[in-house]
Amino acid sequence: MLSFNNEEMTNDQTCGRETSFTTYGGRRKQKSRDTVANIKARLGKMELAMMNTWDGIDLIKQSTKRGLEGLRNEIEDLREGMLAS
């Protein structure tokens, strides 16, 4: 079992973030106090997810548009076939 003391961790271990330990259920958990960095990281992930979503929506719109154009052409061909007979 790993044990931690309450001394501050070195800069190499924390990568420049301030850290604290909280006890929960008999275990110690490291919590970052750098909330701004956490929020920026989450925002970046959300922006990436939204870009992927919009790309998917654009693909759906394009395929729907092509499908509608194809249906219009088929309907026109059927209409011309009915008028010719």
N, C-alpha and C. Protein backbone atom coordinates (compact mmCIF):
# COMPACT_ATOMS: atom_id res chain seq x y z
N MET A 1 0.84 -1.17 0.00
CA MET A 1 0.00 0.00 0.00
C MET A 1 0.89 1.23 0.00
N LEU A 2 0.56 2.17 -0.85
CA LEU A 2 1.33 3.40 -0.92
C LEU A 2 0.92 4.34 0.20
N SER A 3 1.88 5.03 0.75
CA SER A 3 1.54 6.03 1.76
C SER A 3 2.12 7.36 1.33
N PHE A 4 1.41 8.42 1.62
CA PHE A 4 1.84 9.76 1.28
C PHE A 4 1.95 10.57 2.56
N ASN A 5 2.94 11.45 2.58
CA ASN A 5 2.99 12.37 3.71
C ASN A 5 2.38 13.69 3.26
N ASN A 6 2.18 14.59 4.19
CA ASN A 6 1.51 15.84 3.89
C ASN A 6 2.44 16.91 3.35
N GLU A 7 3.69 16.56 3.10
CA GLU A 7 4.62 17.53 2.54
C GLU A 7 4.25 17.79 1.08
N GLU A 8 4.60 18.97 0.61
CA GLU A 8 4.30 19.30 -0.78
C GLU A 8 5.13 18.43 -1.70
N MET A 9 4.55 18.05 -2.81
CA MET A 9 5.25 17.26 -3.79
C MET A 9 6.18 18.18 -4.58
N THR A 10 7.19 17.63 -5.16
CA THR A 10 8.13 18.46 -5.91
C THR A 10 7.50 18.91 -7.22
N ASN A 11 8.07 19.93 -7.81
CA ASN A 11 7.54 20.48 -9.05
C ASN A 11 7.56 19.45 -10.17
N ASP A 12 8.53 18.55 -10.19
CA ASP A 12 8.59 17.51 -11.22
C ASP A 12 7.40 16.57 -11.12
N GLN A 13 6.93 16.32 -9.93
CA GLN A 13 5.83 15.37 -9.75
C GLN A 13 4.48 16.01 -10.06
N THR A 14 4.35 17.30 -9.84
CA THR A 14 3.05 17.95 -10.03
C THR A 14 2.95 18.71 -11.34
N CYS A 15 4.02 18.79 -12.08
CA CYS A 15 4.04 19.51 -13.36
C CYS A 15 3.62 20.96 -13.18
N GLY A 16 4.00 21.57 -12.10
CA GLY A 16 3.74 22.99 -11.88
C GLY A 16 2.38 23.31 -11.29
N ARG A 17 1.56 22.29 -10.99
CA ARG A 17 0.23 22.55 -10.43
C ARG A 17 0.29 22.49 -8.92
N GLU A 18 -0.56 23.27 -8.29
CA GLU A 18 -0.70 23.17 -6.84
C GLU A 18 -1.60 21.98 -6.56
N THR A 19 -1.24 21.21 -5.54
CA THR A 19 -2.05 20.03 -5.23
C THR A 19 -2.36 19.98 -3.75
N SER A 20 -3.42 19.28 -3.42
CA SER A 20 -3.76 19.02 -2.03
C SER A 20 -4.29 17.60 -1.95
N PHE A 21 -4.29 17.05 -0.78
CA PHE A 21 -4.79 15.70 -0.58
C PHE A 21 -6.07 15.77 0.24
N THR A 22 -7.06 15.03 -0.17
CA THR A 22 -8.29 14.93 0.61
C THR A 22 -8.50 13.47 0.95
N THR A 23 -9.01 13.23 2.12
CA THR A 23 -9.25 11.87 2.56
C THR A 23 -10.69 11.51 2.26
N TYR A 24 -10.89 10.38 1.60
CA TYR A 24 -12.23 9.90 1.29
C TYR A 24 -12.19 8.38 1.36
N GLY A 25 -12.96 7.83 2.23
CA GLY A 25 -13.04 6.38 2.34
C GLY A 25 -11.72 5.75 2.75
N GLY A 26 -10.92 6.43 3.53
CA GLY A 26 -9.67 5.87 3.99
C GLY A 26 -8.53 6.01 3.01
N ARG A 27 -8.79 6.51 1.84
CA ARG A 27 -7.74 6.70 0.84
C ARG A 27 -7.50 8.18 0.64
N ARG A 28 -6.31 8.49 0.17
CA ARG A 28 -6.00 9.89 -0.13
C ARG A 28 -6.05 10.08 -1.63
N LYS A 29 -6.62 11.19 -2.03
CA LYS A 29 -6.78 11.46 -3.44
C LYS A 29 -6.19 12.83 -3.76
N GLN A 30 -5.44 12.91 -4.83
CA GLN A 30 -4.83 14.18 -5.22
C GLN A 30 -5.86 15.01 -5.98
N LYS A 31 -5.99 16.28 -5.58
CA LYS A 31 -6.91 17.18 -6.25
C LYS A 31 -6.14 18.39 -6.75
N SER A 32 -6.37 18.75 -7.98
CA SER A 32 -5.70 19.91 -8.54
C SER A 32 -6.47 21.16 -8.14
N ARG A 33 -5.77 22.18 -7.73
CA ARG A 33 -6.41 23.46 -7.41
C ARG A 33 -6.45 24.37 -8.62
N ASP A 34 -5.84 23.96 -9.69
CA ASP A 34 -5.78 24.80 -10.87
C ASP A 34 -7.06 24.64 -11.68
N THR A 35 -8.14 25.23 -11.22
CA THR A 35 -9.44 25.06 -11.86
C THR A 35 -9.49 25.70 -13.24
N VAL A 36 -8.78 26.79 -13.42
CA VAL A 36 -8.80 27.45 -14.72
C VAL A 36 -8.22 26.52 -15.79
N ALA A 37 -7.12 25.86 -15.48
CA ALA A 37 -6.52 24.92 -16.43
C ALA A 37 -7.47 23.76 -16.71
N ASN A 38 -8.15 23.27 -15.68
CA ASN A 38 -9.10 22.18 -15.87
C ASN A 38 -10.26 22.61 -16.76
N ILE A 39 -10.76 23.82 -16.54
CA ILE A 39 -11.87 24.33 -17.34
C ILE A 39 -11.44 24.51 -18.79
N LYS A 40 -10.22 25.03 -19.00
CA LYS A 40 -9.72 25.21 -20.36
C LYS A 40 -9.57 23.86 -21.06
N ALA A 41 -9.11 22.86 -20.35
CA ALA A 41 -8.95 21.53 -20.94
C ALA A 41 -10.32 20.96 -21.32
N ARG A 42 -11.30 21.11 -20.45
CA ARG A 42 -12.64 20.62 -20.76
C ARG A 42 -13.24 21.36 -21.94
N LEU A 43 -13.01 22.68 -21.98
CA LEU A 43 -13.52 23.49 -23.09
C LEU A 43 -12.91 23.03 -24.41
N GLY A 44 -11.62 22.75 -24.40
CA GLY A 44 -10.96 22.26 -25.61
C GLY A 44 -11.55 20.95 -26.08
N LYS A 45 -11.83 20.05 -25.14
CA LYS A 45 -12.43 18.76 -25.50
C LYS A 45 -13.84 18.95 -26.07
N MET A 46 -14.59 19.87 -25.46
CA MET A 46 -15.95 20.13 -25.94
C MET A 46 -15.93 20.75 -27.33
N GLU A 47 -14.99 21.68 -27.57
CA GLU A 47 -14.90 22.30 -28.89
C GLU A 47 -14.57 21.25 -29.95
N LEU A 48 -13.66 20.34 -29.63
CA LEU A 48 -13.31 19.28 -30.57
C LEU A 48 -14.52 18.37 -30.84
N ALA A 49 -15.24 18.04 -29.78
CA ALA A 49 -16.43 17.19 -29.95
C ALA A 49 -17.48 17.90 -30.81
N MET A 50 -17.65 19.20 -30.60
CA MET A 50 -18.64 19.95 -31.38
C MET A 50 -18.22 20.04 -32.84
N MET A 51 -16.92 20.23 -33.10
CA MET A 51 -16.46 20.26 -34.50
C MET A 51 -16.75 18.93 -35.18
N ASN A 52 -16.49 17.83 -34.49
CA ASN A 52 -16.78 16.51 -35.05
C ASN A 52 -18.27 16.34 -35.30
N THR A 53 -19.08 16.85 -34.38
CA THR A 53 -20.53 16.76 -34.53
C THR A 53 -21.00 17.55 -35.74
N TRP A 54 -20.50 18.79 -35.89
CA TRP A 54 -20.91 19.61 -37.03
C TRP A 54 -20.46 18.99 -38.34
N ASP A 55 -19.27 18.38 -38.36
CA ASP A 55 -18.81 17.69 -39.57
C ASP A 55 -19.77 16.56 -39.93
N GLY A 56 -20.20 15.81 -38.93
CA GLY A 56 -21.15 14.72 -39.16
C GLY A 56 -22.48 15.24 -39.67
N ILE A 57 -22.95 16.35 -39.11
CA ILE A 57 -24.22 16.94 -39.55
C ILE A 57 -24.10 17.41 -41.00
N ASP A 58 -22.97 18.02 -41.35
CA ASP A 58 -22.76 18.46 -42.73
C ASP A 58 -22.80 17.28 -43.70
N LEU A 59 -22.19 16.17 -43.32
CA LEU A 59 -22.23 14.98 -44.18
C LEU A 59 -23.65 14.46 -44.35
N ILE A 60 -24.42 14.49 -43.28
CA ILE A 60 -25.82 14.04 -43.35
C ILE A 60 -26.62 14.95 -44.28
N LYS A 61 -26.40 16.26 -44.15
CA LYS A 61 -27.11 17.21 -45.02
C LYS A 61 -26.78 16.98 -46.48
N GLN A 62 -25.49 16.77 -46.77
CA GLN A 62 -25.07 16.54 -48.16
C GLN A 62 -25.70 15.28 -48.73
N SER A 63 -25.69 14.20 -47.95
CA SER A 63 -26.26 12.95 -48.47
C SER A 63 -27.77 13.07 -48.62
N THR A 64 -28.43 13.80 -47.73
CA THR A 64 -29.87 14.02 -47.85
C THR A 64 -30.19 14.82 -49.10
N LYS A 65 -29.38 15.84 -49.36
CA LYS A 65 -29.59 16.67 -50.54
C LYS A 65 -29.42 15.84 -51.81
N ARG A 66 -28.37 15.01 -51.85
CA ARG A 66 -28.16 14.14 -53.02
C ARG A 66 -29.31 13.15 -53.18
N GLY A 67 -29.78 12.62 -52.05
CA GLY A 67 -30.90 11.67 -52.11
C GLY A 67 -32.16 12.31 -52.64
N LEU A 68 -32.44 13.54 -52.21
CA LEU A 68 -33.63 14.25 -52.69
C LEU A 68 -33.52 14.55 -54.18
N GLU A 69 -32.33 14.95 -54.62
CA GLU A 69 -32.13 15.21 -56.05
C GLU A 69 -32.34 13.93 -56.86
N GLY A 70 -31.86 12.81 -56.34
CA GLY A 70 -32.06 11.53 -57.01
C GLY A 70 -33.53 11.16 -57.10
N LEU A 71 -34.27 11.39 -56.01
CA LEU A 71 -35.70 11.10 -56.01
C LEU A 71 -36.44 11.98 -57.00
N ARG A 72 -36.07 13.26 -57.05
CA ARG A 72 -36.71 14.17 -58.01
C ARG A 72 -36.49 13.68 -59.45
N ASN A 73 -35.26 13.26 -59.73
CA ASN A 73 -34.95 12.75 -61.07
C ASN A 73 -35.76 11.50 -61.39
N GLU A 74 -35.89 10.60 -60.43
CA GLU A 74 -36.67 9.38 -60.65
C GLU A 74 -38.14 9.70 -60.87
N ILE A 75 -38.67 10.64 -60.09
CA ILE A 75 -40.08 11.04 -60.25
C ILE A 75 -40.29 11.65 -61.63
N GLU A 76 -39.36 12.49 -62.04
CA GLU A 76 -39.47 13.12 -63.37
C GLU A 76 -39.42 12.06 -64.47
N ASP A 77 -38.52 11.08 -64.33
CA ASP A 77 -38.44 9.99 -65.32
C ASP A 77 -39.74 9.19 -65.36
N LEU A 78 -40.33 8.90 -64.21
CA LEU A 78 -41.60 8.17 -64.16
C LEU A 78 -42.71 8.99 -64.80
N ARG A 79 -42.72 10.29 -64.53
CA ARG A 79 -43.74 11.17 -65.09
C ARG A 79 -43.63 11.20 -66.62
N GLU A 80 -42.40 11.31 -67.12
CA GLU A 80 -42.19 11.32 -68.57
C GLU A 80 -42.59 9.98 -69.18
N GLY A 81 -42.32 8.88 -68.47
CA GLY A 81 -42.70 7.55 -68.95
C GLY A 81 -44.20 7.39 -69.02
N MET A 82 -44.91 7.94 -68.05
CA MET A 82 -46.37 7.85 -68.05
C MET A 82 -46.97 8.70 -69.16
N LEU A 83 -46.39 9.87 -69.40
CA LEU A 83 -46.92 10.74 -70.45
C LEU A 83 -46.64 10.18 -71.84
N ALA A 84 -45.53 9.45 -71.99
CA ALA A 84 -45.16 8.89 -73.29
C ALA A 84 -46.04 7.70 -73.66
N SER A 85 -46.62 7.02 -72.68
CA SER A 85 -47.41 5.83 -73.00
C SER A 85 -48.86 6.11 -73.23
